[in-house]
Every structure is written in structure tokens, then in C-alpha cells.
Amino acid sequence: MNEELIKINVTLSNDQKQKIHNAFINHRDIRLRLSRKGNLRGCDTIIVPPKLFKKLDNGMEFHLKYSLYDTLPLSNKISVFKNIVNISKNL
């Protein structure tokens, strides 16, 4: 059974893009905070399952856990992987 993925358009700095890329390649966890002041609008798309993020009063926090990625169904893994590749292209 596929878990629903959430698609969010945000603005990521090159440093944040690099951290996401490196964490994925090296099978590491990463914590990424996005503020309402500017990060939660933009053309960088993050596709994640709901269990990987939580809403904060002043924005959102993504705790990208590689171990949780491993538990996703294959079709969701492919979607998330393609998303990471697209983010990495813009570095």
C-alpha cells in the first residue's frame, strides 16, 4: 500500500540543497528548518511523506530520516529519489 506523499514548494539555499543531497547520498539523517518568512514559497519542490515533517509555529521542520526512507514503498522511494535528484541539479 502506498503512503501519500506531500508536495511543498519552498525556497532552498544552495547550502540546504547540498545538505539534502549529501545526506541522501551518504544515507544520513538531516534536520531542515524552513521559516514562514521566506522559505515556504518558491520553486524548489520537496516531496516527502507526512511522517518526515512537523509544522512549527514559525514554519516547518523536516527531519529527513534515511531509515524512514527505507521503509517507504518502492513507488514512493522513486518519487522521493527523483525529487532529490532535481534539487541536486540546481546546485
N, C-alpha and C. Protein backbone atom coordinates (compact mmCIF):
# COMPACT_ATOMS: atom_id res chain seq x y z
N MET A 1 0.84 -1.18 0.00
CA MET A 1 0.00 0.00 0.00
C MET A 1 0.88 1.24 0.00
N ASN A 2 0.59 2.19 -0.89
CA ASN A 2 1.37 3.40 -0.99
C ASN A 2 0.94 4.42 0.05
N GLU A 3 1.91 5.06 0.64
CA GLU A 3 1.64 6.14 1.57
C GLU A 3 1.58 7.43 0.78
N GLU A 4 0.67 8.30 1.13
CA GLU A 4 0.53 9.56 0.42
C GLU A 4 1.77 10.42 0.64
N LEU A 5 2.22 11.06 -0.42
CA LEU A 5 3.34 11.98 -0.34
C LEU A 5 2.82 13.41 -0.39
N ILE A 6 3.50 14.30 0.33
CA ILE A 6 3.14 15.70 0.34
C ILE A 6 4.16 16.46 -0.51
N LYS A 7 3.65 17.32 -1.36
CA LYS A 7 4.49 18.12 -2.25
C LYS A 7 4.41 19.57 -1.78
N ILE A 8 5.57 20.15 -1.43
CA ILE A 8 5.61 21.51 -0.89
C ILE A 8 6.62 22.32 -1.69
N ASN A 9 6.20 23.49 -2.17
CA ASN A 9 7.11 24.39 -2.87
C ASN A 9 7.75 25.32 -1.85
N VAL A 10 9.06 25.36 -1.86
CA VAL A 10 9.82 26.13 -0.88
C VAL A 10 10.99 26.83 -1.58
N THR A 11 11.68 27.65 -0.84
CA THR A 11 12.92 28.25 -1.31
C THR A 11 14.06 27.66 -0.49
N LEU A 12 14.99 26.99 -1.17
CA LEU A 12 16.15 26.39 -0.51
C LEU A 12 17.41 27.12 -0.93
N SER A 13 18.28 27.38 0.04
CA SER A 13 19.59 27.94 -0.30
C SER A 13 20.44 26.84 -0.91
N ASN A 14 21.51 27.22 -1.58
CA ASN A 14 22.43 26.21 -2.14
C ASN A 14 23.00 25.33 -1.04
N ASP A 15 23.23 25.91 0.14
CA ASP A 15 23.75 25.14 1.27
C ASP A 15 22.73 24.07 1.71
N GLN A 16 21.45 24.45 1.77
CA GLN A 16 20.42 23.48 2.14
C GLN A 16 20.29 22.38 1.09
N LYS A 17 20.36 22.76 -0.18
CA LYS A 17 20.31 21.77 -1.26
C LYS A 17 21.47 20.80 -1.15
N GLN A 18 22.66 21.33 -0.86
CA GLN A 18 23.85 20.48 -0.74
C GLN A 18 23.71 19.54 0.45
N LYS A 19 23.17 20.03 1.57
CA LYS A 19 22.98 19.18 2.75
C LYS A 19 22.00 18.04 2.47
N ILE A 20 20.91 18.35 1.77
CA ILE A 20 19.95 17.31 1.41
C ILE A 20 20.60 16.28 0.51
N HIS A 21 21.31 16.75 -0.49
CA HIS A 21 21.99 15.86 -1.44
C HIS A 21 22.99 14.96 -0.71
N ASN A 22 23.84 15.56 0.11
CA ASN A 22 24.87 14.79 0.83
C ASN A 22 24.26 13.78 1.79
N ALA A 23 23.20 14.19 2.48
CA ALA A 23 22.55 13.28 3.43
C ALA A 23 21.97 12.08 2.71
N PHE A 24 21.36 12.31 1.56
CA PHE A 24 20.76 11.22 0.81
C PHE A 24 21.84 10.27 0.27
N ILE A 25 22.87 10.82 -0.32
CA ILE A 25 23.95 10.01 -0.89
C ILE A 25 24.67 9.20 0.19
N ASN A 26 24.87 9.81 1.36
CA ASN A 26 25.62 9.16 2.44
C ASN A 26 24.74 8.42 3.43
N HIS A 27 23.45 8.30 3.13
CA HIS A 27 22.49 7.58 3.99
C HIS A 27 22.48 8.15 5.40
N ARG A 28 22.42 9.46 5.51
CA ARG A 28 22.42 10.14 6.80
C ARG A 28 21.10 10.86 7.02
N ASP A 29 20.80 11.12 8.28
CA ASP A 29 19.63 11.91 8.62
C ASP A 29 19.99 13.39 8.56
N ILE A 30 18.99 14.21 8.30
CA ILE A 30 19.21 15.66 8.27
C ILE A 30 17.97 16.34 8.83
N ARG A 31 18.19 17.42 9.53
CA ARG A 31 17.09 18.23 10.05
C ARG A 31 17.15 19.57 9.32
N LEU A 32 16.05 19.95 8.72
CA LEU A 32 15.98 21.15 7.90
C LEU A 32 14.81 22.00 8.38
N ARG A 33 15.09 23.22 8.79
CA ARG A 33 14.03 24.12 9.25
C ARG A 33 13.74 25.16 8.18
N LEU A 34 12.46 25.36 7.92
CA LEU A 34 12.02 26.34 6.94
C LEU A 34 11.10 27.33 7.63
N SER A 35 11.39 28.61 7.50
CA SER A 35 10.58 29.63 8.18
C SER A 35 9.48 30.15 7.27
N ARG A 36 8.45 30.66 7.90
CA ARG A 36 7.34 31.25 7.15
C ARG A 36 7.75 32.54 6.47
N LYS A 37 8.81 33.17 6.94
CA LYS A 37 9.19 34.49 6.42
C LYS A 37 9.66 34.45 4.97
N GLY A 38 10.06 33.33 4.47
CA GLY A 38 10.53 33.34 3.10
C GLY A 38 10.72 31.97 2.49
N ASN A 39 10.95 30.97 3.33
CA ASN A 39 11.25 29.64 2.83
C ASN A 39 10.04 28.88 2.32
N LEU A 40 8.85 29.20 2.77
CA LEU A 40 7.69 28.38 2.45
C LEU A 40 6.99 28.78 1.16
N ARG A 41 7.69 29.51 0.34
CA ARG A 41 7.24 29.83 -1.02
C ARG A 41 8.46 29.72 -1.92
N GLY A 42 8.25 29.27 -3.11
CA GLY A 42 9.38 29.21 -4.03
C GLY A 42 9.20 28.15 -5.07
N CYS A 43 10.28 27.92 -5.80
CA CYS A 43 10.20 26.98 -6.93
C CYS A 43 10.95 25.67 -6.66
N ASP A 44 11.53 25.51 -5.48
CA ASP A 44 12.14 24.23 -5.12
C ASP A 44 11.05 23.36 -4.50
N THR A 45 10.84 22.19 -5.06
CA THR A 45 9.78 21.31 -4.58
C THR A 45 10.36 20.20 -3.73
N ILE A 46 9.80 20.02 -2.54
CA ILE A 46 10.17 18.92 -1.67
C ILE A 46 8.99 17.95 -1.66
N ILE A 47 9.26 16.69 -1.91
CA ILE A 47 8.23 15.65 -1.86
C ILE A 47 8.60 14.70 -0.74
N VAL A 48 7.75 14.66 0.28
CA VAL A 48 8.04 13.84 1.45
C VAL A 48 6.76 13.19 1.99
N PRO A 49 6.91 12.06 2.68
CA PRO A 49 5.76 11.51 3.39
C PRO A 49 5.48 12.37 4.62
N PRO A 50 4.24 12.45 5.05
CA PRO A 50 3.88 13.32 6.19
C PRO A 50 4.67 13.03 7.47
N LYS A 51 5.08 11.78 7.67
CA LYS A 51 5.78 11.45 8.91
C LYS A 51 7.19 12.04 8.98
N LEU A 52 7.68 12.63 7.90
CA LEU A 52 9.02 13.20 7.91
C LEU A 52 9.06 14.68 8.26
N PHE A 53 7.91 15.30 8.48
CA PHE A 53 7.95 16.70 8.85
C PHE A 53 6.91 17.04 9.89
N LYS A 54 7.14 18.16 10.57
CA LYS A 54 6.15 18.65 11.51
C LYS A 54 6.03 20.15 11.34
N LYS A 55 4.83 20.65 11.57
CA LYS A 55 4.58 22.08 11.46
C LYS A 55 4.97 22.75 12.77
N LEU A 56 5.65 23.86 12.65
CA LEU A 56 6.03 24.65 13.81
C LEU A 56 5.26 25.97 13.76
N ASP A 57 5.22 26.69 14.86
CA ASP A 57 4.51 27.98 14.88
C ASP A 57 5.08 28.95 13.86
N ASN A 58 6.39 28.92 13.68
CA ASN A 58 7.03 29.87 12.78
C ASN A 58 7.48 29.24 11.46
N GLY A 59 6.97 28.07 11.13
CA GLY A 59 7.34 27.44 9.87
C GLY A 59 7.19 25.94 9.94
N MET A 60 8.15 25.24 9.34
CA MET A 60 8.14 23.78 9.32
C MET A 60 9.53 23.25 9.59
N GLU A 61 9.56 22.04 10.10
CA GLU A 61 10.82 21.36 10.28
C GLU A 61 10.72 20.00 9.62
N PHE A 62 11.68 19.72 8.77
CA PHE A 62 11.76 18.41 8.13
C PHE A 62 12.86 17.64 8.82
N HIS A 63 12.54 16.47 9.29
CA HIS A 63 13.56 15.58 9.82
C HIS A 63 13.65 14.43 8.83
N LEU A 64 14.54 14.59 7.89
CA LEU A 64 14.68 13.61 6.82
C LEU A 64 15.50 12.44 7.34
N LYS A 65 14.82 11.41 7.72
CA LYS A 65 15.48 10.23 8.29
C LYS A 65 15.63 9.19 7.19
N TYR A 66 16.86 8.84 6.92
CA TYR A 66 17.10 7.86 5.87
C TYR A 66 16.47 6.51 6.23
N SER A 67 16.46 6.18 7.51
CA SER A 67 15.86 4.91 7.93
C SER A 67 14.36 4.87 7.59
N LEU A 68 13.68 6.02 7.67
CA LEU A 68 12.27 6.06 7.29
C LEU A 68 12.11 5.96 5.78
N TYR A 69 13.06 6.51 5.06
CA TYR A 69 13.04 6.40 3.59
C TYR A 69 13.06 4.93 3.19
N ASP A 70 13.87 4.14 3.87
CA ASP A 70 13.98 2.72 3.56
C ASP A 70 12.66 1.97 3.76
N THR A 71 11.77 2.49 4.60
CA THR A 71 10.51 1.80 4.87
C THR A 71 9.41 2.18 3.87
N LEU A 72 9.67 3.14 3.01
CA LEU A 72 8.66 3.56 2.05
C LEU A 72 8.44 2.51 0.97
N PRO A 73 7.24 2.44 0.42
CA PRO A 73 7.00 1.56 -0.73
C PRO A 73 7.86 2.01 -1.91
N LEU A 74 8.16 1.11 -2.80
CA LEU A 74 9.06 1.39 -3.92
C LEU A 74 8.62 2.59 -4.74
N SER A 75 7.35 2.71 -5.05
CA SER A 75 6.89 3.84 -5.88
C SER A 75 7.15 5.17 -5.18
N ASN A 76 6.99 5.22 -3.85
CA ASN A 76 7.28 6.45 -3.11
C ASN A 76 8.78 6.71 -3.05
N LYS A 77 9.57 5.66 -2.91
CA LYS A 77 11.03 5.83 -2.92
C LYS A 77 11.48 6.46 -4.22
N ILE A 78 10.90 5.99 -5.33
CA ILE A 78 11.28 6.53 -6.64
C ILE A 78 10.91 8.00 -6.73
N SER A 79 9.73 8.37 -6.26
CA SER A 79 9.30 9.78 -6.28
C SER A 79 10.23 10.66 -5.45
N VAL A 80 10.56 10.21 -4.25
CA VAL A 80 11.45 10.98 -3.37
C VAL A 80 12.84 11.06 -3.99
N PHE A 81 13.33 9.96 -4.56
CA PHE A 81 14.66 9.95 -5.18
C PHE A 81 14.71 10.94 -6.35
N LYS A 82 13.70 10.92 -7.21
CA LYS A 82 13.66 11.86 -8.34
C LYS A 82 13.65 13.30 -7.84
N ASN A 83 12.96 13.54 -6.75
CA ASN A 83 12.92 14.87 -6.17
C ASN A 83 14.29 15.30 -5.67
N ILE A 84 15.01 14.41 -5.02
CA ILE A 84 16.38 14.73 -4.54
C ILE A 84 17.29 15.01 -5.73
N VAL A 85 17.16 14.25 -6.79
CA VAL A 85 17.97 14.48 -7.99
C VAL A 85 17.67 15.86 -8.57
N ASN A 86 16.39 16.22 -8.65
CA ASN A 86 16.02 17.54 -9.17
C ASN A 86 16.56 18.67 -8.31
N ILE A 87 16.50 18.50 -7.00
CA ILE A 87 17.07 19.52 -6.10
C ILE A 87 18.57 19.63 -6.34
N SER A 88 19.25 18.51 -6.50
CA SER A 88 20.70 18.49 -6.68
C SER A 88 21.13 19.12 -8.01
N LYS A 89 20.29 19.02 -9.04
CA LYS A 89 20.62 19.61 -10.34
C LYS A 89 20.80 21.11 -10.25
N ASN A 90 20.12 21.73 -9.32
CA ASN A 90 20.15 23.19 -9.21
C ASN A 90 21.29 23.72 -8.35
N LEU A 91 22.23 22.88 -8.01
CA LEU A 91 23.36 23.34 -7.19
C LEU A 91 24.36 24.10 -8.03
